[in-house]
Amino acid sequence: MPLDDLAHAAQTIGGFLQTFTSSGGLRLRFRVKVRGAAPGESGRCDDPGQGELSPVAAAGHDTPRTLYVEFSGPDTHVLTAHNGEVLNALEHLALKILRLEPEEQERISFDADHFKANRERFMRESASAAIERVRATGRPHPFPAMNSRDRRTLHMLLSDSGLPTASSGEGPGRFVVLYPEGADVSEQPLTQSPRRADDSGRIRQAFRHR
């Protein structure tokens, strides 16, 4: 299904999230933002105390319009616990509800108290440190296991270094490896990422609000 009508998609997701928050008794607010919306392509949820739909001005006519959901409130920790498992699950359900084609799934993004924004900043810092380490030691650097969207983001962050990267592992244990210059990534691929428990703990600590 193509994402032609973002205003309708925003209303659909708003209804889904109203049901989720009210039935779960969660103290959450959400805003569904249509980034790059034309005038008149937005609306408000039936319960303005629970959620809101709003347009965000486009950066340009060629900028793909996206649908961005931002949560706030006392219970956002429920969404971000365990490295954002519930937040990621809600985003996945939204994609299923909208029946989006794979190439359009990047146009939907959920966040809670800037959790993913902070995560991306942390990934940038980790990528920069890994590049320096690989260049200095000449040894591959495996990153913690992460979902497919985060792996794509990490590959992009590492691409400017000119160093080869590859994904390894299976299923939820799949992870990115940064290799030294000239390495043949098909030879002796790494099969194990750093311990997930230790890494997720550091990530949660890094994202904890002060």
Protein backbone atom coordinates (compact mmCIF):
# COMPACT_ATOMS: atom_id res chain seq x y z
CA MET A 1 0.00 0.00 0.00
CA PRO A 2 1.55 3.37 -0.99
CA LEU A 3 1.61 6.16 1.57
CA ASP A 4 -0.24 8.67 -0.61
CA ASP A 5 -2.50 10.29 2.00
CA LEU A 6 -0.45 11.04 5.09
CA ALA A 7 -3.31 12.95 6.72
CA HIS A 8 -5.50 9.82 6.57
CA ALA A 9 -2.59 7.69 7.78
CA ALA A 10 -2.07 10.08 10.70
CA GLN A 11 -5.73 9.82 11.67
CA THR A 12 -5.56 6.04 11.47
CA ILE A 13 -2.47 5.87 13.68
CA GLY A 14 -3.99 8.40 16.07
CA GLY A 15 -7.04 6.17 16.55
CA PHE A 16 -4.84 3.13 17.11
CA LEU A 17 -2.74 4.93 19.72
CA GLN A 18 -5.81 6.27 21.53
CA THR A 19 -7.04 2.70 21.92
CA PHE A 20 -3.61 1.52 23.08
CA THR A 21 -3.14 4.23 25.71
CA SER A 22 -6.69 4.19 27.06
CA SER A 23 -7.08 0.40 27.23
CA GLY A 24 -3.66 0.05 28.83
CA GLY A 25 -4.35 2.75 31.41
CA LEU A 26 -1.09 4.46 30.48
CA ARG A 27 -0.34 8.07 31.36
CA LEU A 28 0.85 9.01 27.91
CA ARG A 29 0.32 11.84 25.50
CA PHE A 30 1.21 11.67 21.85
CA ARG A 31 1.49 13.95 18.86
CA VAL A 32 1.24 12.64 15.31
CA LYS A 33 3.16 15.06 13.11
CA VAL A 34 2.94 15.11 9.33
CA ARG A 35 6.30 16.51 8.29
CA GLY A 36 6.08 18.30 4.97
CA ALA A 37 2.28 18.52 5.12
CA ALA A 38 0.41 20.81 2.77
CA PRO A 39 -2.19 23.20 4.27
CA GLY A 40 -5.27 21.33 5.35
CA GLU A 41 -3.56 17.95 5.58
CA SER A 42 -3.88 17.57 9.31
CA GLY A 43 -6.51 17.06 11.95
CA ARG A 44 -6.96 16.53 15.66
CA CYS A 45 -7.76 13.41 17.59
CA ASP A 46 -11.26 13.12 19.04
CA ASP A 47 -9.75 13.44 22.51
CA PRO A 48 -7.38 16.43 22.45
CA GLY A 49 -6.30 15.69 26.01
CA GLN A 50 -4.86 12.37 24.88
CA GLY A 51 -3.31 13.01 21.48
CA GLU A 52 -2.89 15.59 18.78
CA LEU A 53 -2.27 15.58 15.05
CA SER A 54 -0.36 18.50 13.59
CA PRO A 55 1.42 19.47 10.36
CA VAL A 56 5.09 20.42 10.16
CA ALA A 57 6.28 22.64 7.34
CA ALA A 58 8.10 20.97 4.48
CA ALA A 59 11.78 21.57 3.91
CA GLY A 60 11.15 21.61 0.16
CA HIS A 61 8.92 20.21 -2.56
CA ASP A 62 11.27 17.28 -3.14
CA THR A 63 11.42 16.31 0.54
CA PRO A 64 9.45 13.07 1.16
CA ARG A 65 6.63 13.69 3.60
CA THR A 66 6.89 11.59 6.74
CA LEU A 67 4.69 10.68 9.66
CA TYR A 68 6.35 11.14 13.04
CA VAL A 69 4.81 10.12 16.39
CA GLU A 70 6.17 11.62 19.60
CA PHE A 71 5.13 10.33 23.06
CA SER A 72 5.46 12.19 26.35
CA GLY A 73 4.11 11.74 29.87
CA PRO A 74 4.89 9.89 33.12
CA ASP A 75 4.74 6.42 31.57
CA THR A 76 7.14 6.86 28.65
CA HIS A 77 9.56 4.58 30.52
CA VAL A 78 7.19 1.71 29.66
CA LEU A 79 7.87 2.36 25.98
CA THR A 80 11.63 2.82 26.25
CA ALA A 81 12.46 0.00 28.67
CA HIS A 82 14.61 -2.87 27.37
CA ASN A 83 16.11 -0.72 24.65
CA GLY A 84 12.75 0.55 23.40
CA GLU A 85 11.07 -2.82 22.80
CA VAL A 86 7.49 -1.56 23.28
CA LEU A 87 8.17 1.60 21.26
CA ASN A 88 9.56 -0.49 18.39
CA ALA A 89 6.62 -2.89 18.65
CA LEU A 90 4.12 -0.01 18.36
CA GLU A 91 5.94 1.30 15.30
CA HIS A 92 5.89 -2.19 13.77
CA LEU A 93 2.13 -2.50 14.41
CA ALA A 94 1.57 0.89 12.78
CA LEU A 95 3.38 -0.31 9.66
CA LYS A 96 1.18 -3.42 9.58
CA ILE A 97 -2.01 -1.39 10.06
CA LEU A 98 -1.09 0.89 7.17
CA ARG A 99 0.08 -2.08 5.04
CA LEU A 100 3.02 -0.12 3.74
CA GLU A 101 5.34 -1.31 1.02
CA PRO A 102 8.90 -2.00 2.29
CA GLU A 103 10.34 1.03 0.49
CA GLU A 104 7.91 3.35 2.32
CA GLN A 105 8.35 2.03 5.85
CA GLU A 106 11.11 4.54 6.59
CA ARG A 107 8.49 7.30 6.35
CA ILE A 108 6.96 6.27 9.70
CA SER A 109 8.87 6.93 12.92
CA PHE A 110 7.89 6.66 16.61
CA ASP A 111 9.82 8.27 19.48
CA ALA A 112 9.31 8.85 23.21
CA ASP A 113 11.00 11.66 25.14
CA HIS A 114 13.63 11.83 22.38
CA PHE A 115 14.76 8.25 23.09
CA LYS A 116 15.54 7.46 19.44
CA ALA A 117 17.07 10.87 18.82
CA ASN A 118 19.41 10.29 21.76
CA ARG A 119 20.10 6.79 20.48
CA GLU A 120 21.11 8.12 17.07
CA ARG A 121 23.47 10.60 18.71
CA PHE A 122 24.95 7.76 20.76
CA MET A 123 25.33 5.69 17.57
CA ARG A 124 27.17 8.57 15.88
CA GLU A 125 29.59 8.76 18.79
CA SER A 126 30.04 4.97 18.78
CA ALA A 127 30.64 4.94 15.02
CA SER A 128 33.27 7.68 15.29
CA ALA A 129 35.08 5.86 18.11
CA ALA A 130 34.94 2.55 16.21
CA ILE A 131 36.43 4.11 13.06
CA GLU A 132 39.38 5.46 15.05
CA ARG A 133 39.84 2.10 16.81
CA VAL A 134 39.79 0.05 13.61
CA ARG A 135 42.24 2.37 11.87
CA ALA A 136 44.57 2.28 14.87
CA THR A 137 44.47 -1.48 15.52
CA GLY A 138 43.74 -2.95 12.07
CA ARG A 139 41.20 -5.29 13.68
CA PRO A 140 37.42 -5.61 12.99
CA HIS A 141 35.04 -3.98 15.42
CA PRO A 142 31.65 -5.67 16.10
CA PHE A 143 28.75 -3.52 17.32
CA PRO A 144 25.96 -4.75 19.61
CA ALA A 145 23.03 -6.60 18.04
CA MET A 146 20.29 -4.24 16.87
CA ASN A 147 17.19 -4.09 14.69
CA SER A 148 17.28 -3.65 10.92
CA ARG A 149 16.55 0.10 10.97
CA ASP A 150 19.38 0.79 13.40
CA ARG A 151 21.72 -1.38 11.35
CA ARG A 152 20.92 0.63 8.23
CA THR A 153 21.53 3.84 10.15
CA LEU A 154 24.86 2.54 11.42
CA HIS A 155 25.97 1.43 7.94
CA MET A 156 25.22 4.97 6.70
CA LEU A 157 27.12 6.58 9.59
CA LEU A 158 30.15 4.39 8.85
CA SER A 159 30.08 4.77 5.07
CA ASP A 160 31.90 8.11 5.00
CA SER A 161 34.95 6.46 6.58
CA GLY A 162 35.56 4.40 3.45
CA LEU A 163 36.03 1.30 5.63
CA PRO A 164 34.06 -1.83 4.68
CA THR A 165 31.09 -2.92 6.80
CA ALA A 166 28.92 -6.01 6.86
CA SER A 167 26.05 -7.42 8.89
CA SER A 168 26.49 -10.77 10.61
CA GLY A 169 24.47 -13.07 12.85
CA GLU A 170 20.87 -14.20 12.61
CA GLY A 171 17.47 -12.81 13.62
CA PRO A 172 17.46 -10.55 16.70
CA GLY A 173 21.16 -11.29 17.18
CA ARG A 174 22.16 -9.69 13.88
CA PHE A 175 24.83 -6.99 14.19
CA VAL A 176 27.15 -4.71 12.19
CA VAL A 177 30.90 -5.22 11.87
CA LEU A 178 33.35 -2.51 10.81
CA TYR A 179 36.44 -3.90 9.06
CA PRO A 180 39.89 -2.38 8.41
CA GLU A 181 40.69 -0.97 5.00
CA GLY A 182 41.22 -3.62 2.32
CA ALA A 183 39.72 -6.44 4.37
CA ASP A 184 37.72 -9.14 2.59
CA VAL A 185 34.51 -9.19 4.62
CA SER A 186 33.60 -12.62 3.22
CA GLU A 187 36.61 -14.21 4.93
CA GLN A 188 36.20 -15.42 8.51
CA PRO A 189 33.05 -13.41 9.29
CA LEU A 190 32.40 -12.65 12.94
CA THR A 191 29.52 -14.67 14.33
CA GLN A 192 29.04 -13.12 17.77
CA SER A 193 28.40 -9.54 18.84
CA PRO A 194 29.36 -8.06 22.22
CA ARG A 195 27.20 -9.18 25.13
CA ARG A 196 23.77 -7.63 24.65
CA ALA A 197 23.03 -7.30 28.37
CA ASP A 198 26.09 -5.16 28.98
CA ASP A 199 25.49 -2.99 25.92
CA SER A 200 21.79 -2.45 26.55
CA GLY A 201 22.61 -1.42 30.11
CA ARG A 202 25.09 1.17 28.88
CA ILE A 203 22.61 2.44 26.31
CA ARG A 204 19.82 2.82 28.87
CA GLN A 205 22.24 4.64 31.16
CA ALA A 206 23.25 6.96 28.31
CA PHE A 207 19.60 7.75 27.52
CA ARG A 208 18.52 8.31 31.11
CA HIS A 209 17.14 11.82 31.50
CA ARG A 210 18.86 14.06 33.98
